[in-house]
Amino acid sequence: MKTINGPVASAPTLKDLVNTPTKQIALAVMILGNVFMLSSPVMISMISVHLRLSAMEITELTAGYLISAEAMAALPIIVLGKPVLALVKAKFLSLFKRKNRDKK
């Protein structure tokens, strides 16, 4: 399909946007950071029970774990840029959309 200004460009895919080794590593680090944040309650509980930590040590462990996970999730955005973040967000949110909605 052509428009007045030329052919219609299709939306870029994740493969098109993450096309260098640096961006691939940054995307992997961002995904790993998000996994760490989601798994933090389980991981911190397992570590603290296994090592028999005190309440103060658990607090320190939690703070360090969450700060490092947040940094791993946020810093790659500088390398990847806004288009990649928007595409990843759209793909993630599409997992939770209903396929068949009843129209009343």
N, C-alpha and C. Protein backbone atom coordinates (compact mmCIF):
# COMPACT_ATOMS: atom_id res chain seq x y z
N MET A 1 0.84 -1.17 0.00
CA MET A 1 0.00 0.00 0.00
C MET A 1 0.88 1.24 0.00
N LYS A 2 0.60 2.19 -0.87
CA LYS A 2 1.39 3.40 -0.95
C LYS A 2 0.58 4.59 -0.50
N THR A 3 1.28 5.53 0.10
CA THR A 3 0.66 6.78 0.49
C THR A 3 1.22 7.89 -0.40
N ILE A 4 0.83 9.10 -0.14
CA ILE A 4 1.29 10.23 -0.94
C ILE A 4 2.81 10.39 -0.82
N ASN A 5 3.33 10.17 0.38
CA ASN A 5 4.76 10.36 0.62
C ASN A 5 5.61 9.14 0.31
N GLY A 6 5.02 8.01 0.02
CA GLY A 6 5.77 6.79 -0.26
C GLY A 6 5.11 5.60 0.40
N PRO A 7 5.82 4.46 0.42
CA PRO A 7 5.23 3.25 1.02
C PRO A 7 5.08 3.38 2.53
N VAL A 8 4.10 2.68 3.04
CA VAL A 8 3.85 2.68 4.48
C VAL A 8 4.90 1.81 5.16
N ALA A 9 5.57 2.36 6.14
CA ALA A 9 6.59 1.61 6.87
C ALA A 9 5.93 0.79 7.96
N SER A 10 6.37 -0.46 8.06
CA SER A 10 5.83 -1.30 9.13
C SER A 10 6.53 -0.95 10.44
N ALA A 11 5.89 -1.28 11.53
CA ALA A 11 6.45 -0.99 12.85
C ALA A 11 7.70 -1.82 13.07
N PRO A 12 8.73 -1.24 13.67
CA PRO A 12 9.96 -2.00 13.90
C PRO A 12 9.74 -3.11 14.91
N THR A 13 10.43 -4.20 14.71
CA THR A 13 10.36 -5.32 15.65
C THR A 13 11.50 -5.21 16.65
N LEU A 14 11.45 -6.04 17.66
CA LEU A 14 12.51 -6.04 18.66
C LEU A 14 13.85 -6.42 18.03
N LYS A 15 13.80 -7.33 17.08
CA LYS A 15 15.03 -7.75 16.39
C LYS A 15 15.64 -6.58 15.61
N ASP A 16 14.81 -5.74 15.03
CA ASP A 16 15.31 -4.57 14.30
C ASP A 16 15.95 -3.55 15.24
N LEU A 17 15.37 -3.37 16.41
CA LEU A 17 15.86 -2.35 17.34
C LEU A 17 17.06 -2.79 18.15
N VAL A 18 17.14 -4.08 18.46
CA VAL A 18 18.26 -4.62 19.24
C VAL A 18 19.19 -5.33 18.27
N ASN A 19 19.97 -4.54 17.55
CA ASN A 19 20.74 -5.08 16.43
C ASN A 19 22.25 -5.09 16.66
N THR A 20 22.72 -4.70 17.82
CA THR A 20 24.15 -4.74 18.12
C THR A 20 24.38 -5.59 19.36
N PRO A 21 25.60 -6.13 19.51
CA PRO A 21 25.88 -6.94 20.71
C PRO A 21 25.68 -6.17 22.01
N THR A 22 25.99 -4.88 22.02
CA THR A 22 25.82 -4.08 23.22
C THR A 22 24.35 -3.99 23.62
N LYS A 23 23.48 -3.76 22.63
CA LYS A 23 22.05 -3.68 22.91
C LYS A 23 21.49 -5.03 23.31
N GLN A 24 22.02 -6.11 22.75
CA GLN A 24 21.56 -7.45 23.14
C GLN A 24 21.91 -7.74 24.59
N ILE A 25 23.12 -7.36 24.99
CA ILE A 25 23.53 -7.56 26.38
C ILE A 25 22.68 -6.69 27.30
N ALA A 26 22.43 -5.45 26.90
CA ALA A 26 21.62 -4.54 27.73
C ALA A 26 20.20 -5.08 27.89
N LEU A 27 19.63 -5.65 26.82
CA LEU A 27 18.28 -6.22 26.91
C LEU A 27 18.27 -7.42 27.86
N ALA A 28 19.30 -8.26 27.77
CA ALA A 28 19.38 -9.43 28.66
C ALA A 28 19.51 -8.99 30.12
N VAL A 29 20.31 -7.96 30.37
CA VAL A 29 20.49 -7.46 31.74
C VAL A 29 19.18 -6.86 32.25
N MET A 30 18.46 -6.14 31.38
CA MET A 30 17.18 -5.55 31.80
C MET A 30 16.17 -6.64 32.16
N ILE A 31 16.09 -7.68 31.36
CA ILE A 31 15.17 -8.78 31.64
C ILE A 31 15.58 -9.50 32.93
N LEU A 32 16.88 -9.72 33.11
CA LEU A 32 17.37 -10.37 34.32
C LEU A 32 17.08 -9.53 35.56
N GLY A 33 17.22 -8.23 35.46
CA GLY A 33 16.90 -7.34 36.58
C GLY A 33 15.44 -7.41 36.96
N ASN A 34 14.56 -7.46 35.95
CA ASN A 34 13.14 -7.58 36.24
C ASN A 34 12.80 -8.92 36.87
N VAL A 35 13.45 -9.98 36.43
CA VAL A 35 13.23 -11.30 37.04
C VAL A 35 13.70 -11.28 38.49
N PHE A 36 14.83 -10.64 38.75
CA PHE A 36 15.32 -10.53 40.13
C PHE A 36 14.35 -9.76 41.01
N MET A 37 13.77 -8.69 40.47
CA MET A 37 12.81 -7.91 41.28
C MET A 37 11.57 -8.74 41.58
N LEU A 38 11.07 -9.48 40.59
CA LEU A 38 9.87 -10.28 40.82
C LEU A 38 10.13 -11.44 41.77
N SER A 39 11.33 -11.97 41.74
CA SER A 39 11.64 -13.13 42.59
C SER A 39 12.23 -12.73 43.93
N SER A 40 12.33 -11.44 44.22
CA SER A 40 13.01 -11.00 45.43
C SER A 40 12.40 -11.54 46.73
N PRO A 41 11.08 -11.57 46.91
CA PRO A 41 10.58 -12.11 48.18
C PRO A 41 10.98 -13.57 48.41
N VAL A 42 10.90 -14.36 47.38
CA VAL A 42 11.25 -15.78 47.51
C VAL A 42 12.75 -15.95 47.74
N MET A 43 13.55 -15.24 46.96
CA MET A 43 15.00 -15.37 47.07
C MET A 43 15.51 -14.89 48.44
N ILE A 44 15.00 -13.76 48.89
CA ILE A 44 15.45 -13.22 50.17
C ILE A 44 15.02 -14.15 51.31
N SER A 45 13.82 -14.69 51.21
CA SER A 45 13.36 -15.63 52.24
C SER A 45 14.23 -16.88 52.27
N MET A 46 14.53 -17.42 51.11
CA MET A 46 15.35 -18.63 51.05
C MET A 46 16.76 -18.38 51.59
N ILE A 47 17.35 -17.26 51.21
CA ILE A 47 18.70 -16.96 51.68
C ILE A 47 18.71 -16.74 53.19
N SER A 48 17.75 -15.97 53.69
CA SER A 48 17.75 -15.65 55.12
C SER A 48 17.46 -16.88 55.98
N VAL A 49 16.59 -17.76 55.53
CA VAL A 49 16.31 -18.98 56.30
C VAL A 49 17.50 -19.92 56.26
N HIS A 50 18.11 -20.05 55.09
CA HIS A 50 19.24 -20.96 54.94
C HIS A 50 20.45 -20.51 55.76
N LEU A 51 20.69 -19.20 55.80
CA LEU A 51 21.85 -18.68 56.53
C LEU A 51 21.52 -18.28 57.97
N ARG A 52 20.26 -18.40 58.37
CA ARG A 52 19.80 -18.05 59.72
C ARG A 52 20.23 -16.63 60.10
N LEU A 53 19.76 -15.68 59.31
CA LEU A 53 20.14 -14.28 59.51
C LEU A 53 19.23 -13.60 60.53
N SER A 54 19.75 -12.55 61.16
CA SER A 54 18.95 -11.76 62.10
C SER A 54 18.09 -10.78 61.30
N ALA A 55 17.21 -10.09 62.00
CA ALA A 55 16.31 -9.14 61.33
C ALA A 55 17.09 -8.01 60.66
N MET A 56 18.14 -7.53 61.30
CA MET A 56 18.97 -6.46 60.74
C MET A 56 19.69 -6.94 59.48
N GLU A 57 20.20 -8.15 59.52
CA GLU A 57 20.89 -8.70 58.34
C GLU A 57 19.93 -8.93 57.19
N ILE A 58 18.70 -9.34 57.50
CA ILE A 58 17.69 -9.52 56.46
C ILE A 58 17.34 -8.19 55.83
N THR A 59 17.26 -7.14 56.64
CA THR A 59 16.98 -5.80 56.12
C THR A 59 18.09 -5.34 55.20
N GLU A 60 19.33 -5.55 55.59
CA GLU A 60 20.47 -5.17 54.75
C GLU A 60 20.48 -5.97 53.45
N LEU A 61 20.21 -7.26 53.55
CA LEU A 61 20.15 -8.11 52.37
C LEU A 61 19.05 -7.66 51.42
N THR A 62 17.90 -7.34 51.95
CA THR A 62 16.77 -6.88 51.14
C THR A 62 17.10 -5.58 50.42
N ALA A 63 17.68 -4.64 51.14
CA ALA A 63 18.03 -3.36 50.54
C ALA A 63 19.05 -3.54 49.42
N GLY A 64 20.08 -4.31 49.67
CA GLY A 64 21.10 -4.55 48.64
C GLY A 64 20.55 -5.28 47.43
N TYR A 65 19.72 -6.27 47.69
CA TYR A 65 19.13 -7.07 46.61
C TYR A 65 18.23 -6.21 45.74
N LEU A 66 17.36 -5.42 46.37
CA LEU A 66 16.43 -4.61 45.59
C LEU A 66 17.12 -3.47 44.85
N ILE A 67 18.13 -2.86 45.47
CA ILE A 67 18.87 -1.79 44.78
C ILE A 67 19.61 -2.34 43.57
N SER A 68 20.25 -3.48 43.72
CA SER A 68 20.97 -4.05 42.58
C SER A 68 20.01 -4.51 41.48
N ALA A 69 18.88 -5.08 41.85
CA ALA A 69 17.89 -5.49 40.85
C ALA A 69 17.31 -4.28 40.11
N GLU A 70 17.05 -3.21 40.85
CA GLU A 70 16.52 -1.99 40.24
C GLU A 70 17.55 -1.39 39.27
N ALA A 71 18.80 -1.39 39.66
CA ALA A 71 19.85 -0.87 38.78
C ALA A 71 19.98 -1.73 37.52
N MET A 72 19.88 -3.05 37.69
CA MET A 72 19.98 -3.94 36.53
C MET A 72 18.80 -3.76 35.59
N ALA A 73 17.66 -3.37 36.10
CA ALA A 73 16.49 -3.18 35.25
C ALA A 73 16.45 -1.79 34.62
N ALA A 74 16.97 -0.78 35.32
CA ALA A 74 16.83 0.60 34.85
C ALA A 74 17.99 1.09 34.00
N LEU A 75 19.21 0.74 34.32
CA LEU A 75 20.36 1.27 33.60
C LEU A 75 20.42 0.86 32.12
N PRO A 76 20.02 -0.35 31.74
CA PRO A 76 20.05 -0.68 30.31
C PRO A 76 19.11 0.17 29.45
N ILE A 77 18.15 0.83 30.07
CA ILE A 77 17.24 1.68 29.30
C ILE A 77 18.02 2.81 28.63
N ILE A 78 19.10 3.26 29.27
CA ILE A 78 19.94 4.31 28.67
C ILE A 78 20.55 3.81 27.37
N VAL A 79 20.99 2.56 27.35
CA VAL A 79 21.61 2.00 26.15
C VAL A 79 20.55 1.65 25.10
N LEU A 80 19.43 1.09 25.54
CA LEU A 80 18.42 0.62 24.61
C LEU A 80 17.60 1.74 24.00
N GLY A 81 17.26 2.71 24.79
CA GLY A 81 16.47 3.82 24.29
C GLY A 81 14.97 3.60 24.46
N LYS A 82 14.23 4.67 24.19
CA LYS A 82 12.78 4.66 24.39
C LYS A 82 12.03 3.72 23.44
N PRO A 83 12.41 3.60 22.15
CA PRO A 83 11.65 2.70 21.27
C PRO A 83 11.66 1.24 21.72
N VAL A 84 12.81 0.77 22.21
CA VAL A 84 12.89 -0.62 22.67
C VAL A 84 12.06 -0.80 23.93
N LEU A 85 12.13 0.16 24.84
CA LEU A 85 11.35 0.08 26.07
C LEU A 85 9.85 0.06 25.76
N ALA A 86 9.42 0.90 24.84
CA ALA A 86 8.00 0.93 24.47
C ALA A 86 7.56 -0.39 23.83
N LEU A 87 8.42 -0.97 23.00
CA LEU A 87 8.09 -2.24 22.36
C LEU A 87 8.02 -3.38 23.37
N VAL A 88 8.98 -3.43 24.29
CA VAL A 88 8.97 -4.47 25.33
C VAL A 88 7.74 -4.32 26.21
N LYS A 89 7.41 -3.09 26.57
CA LYS A 89 6.22 -2.83 27.39
C LYS A 89 4.95 -3.27 26.68
N ALA A 90 4.84 -2.96 25.38
CA ALA A 90 3.66 -3.36 24.61
C ALA A 90 3.54 -4.87 24.51
N LYS A 91 4.66 -5.56 24.29
CA LYS A 91 4.63 -7.02 24.20
C LYS A 91 4.25 -7.64 25.55
N PHE A 92 4.78 -7.07 26.64
CA PHE A 92 4.46 -7.60 27.96
C PHE A 92 2.99 -7.40 28.28
N LEU A 93 2.47 -6.21 28.01
CA LEU A 93 1.07 -5.94 28.31
C LEU A 93 0.12 -6.74 27.42
N SER A 94 0.56 -7.10 26.22
CA SER A 94 -0.29 -7.90 25.34
C SER A 94 -0.52 -9.31 25.89
N LEU A 95 0.36 -9.75 26.78
CA LEU A 95 0.18 -11.06 27.40
C LEU A 95 -1.06 -11.10 28.29
N PHE A 96 -1.47 -9.95 28.81
CA PHE A 96 -2.57 -9.88 29.76
C PHE A 96 -3.88 -9.42 29.14
N LYS A 97 -3.89 -9.14 27.85
CA LYS A 97 -5.13 -8.71 27.21
C LYS A 97 -5.99 -9.91 26.88
N ARG A 98 -7.28 -9.72 26.98
CA ARG A 98 -8.21 -10.80 26.64
C ARG A 98 -8.30 -10.95 25.14
N LYS A 99 -8.39 -12.17 24.69
CA LYS A 99 -8.50 -12.44 23.25
C LYS A 99 -9.93 -12.18 22.77
N ASN A 100 -10.89 -12.76 23.47
CA ASN A 100 -12.30 -12.65 23.07
C ASN A 100 -13.06 -11.87 24.13
N ARG A 101 -13.49 -10.71 23.78
CA ARG A 101 -14.30 -9.93 24.71
C ARG A 101 -15.75 -10.01 24.29
N ASP A 102 -16.61 -10.21 25.25
CA ASP A 102 -18.04 -10.27 24.96
C ASP A 102 -18.57 -8.85 24.77
N LYS A 103 -19.20 -8.64 23.64
CA LYS A 103 -19.79 -7.33 23.38
C LYS A 103 -21.26 -7.39 23.74
N LYS A 104 -21.69 -6.48 24.61
CA LYS A 104 -23.09 -6.48 25.05
C LYS A 104 -23.76 -5.21 24.65
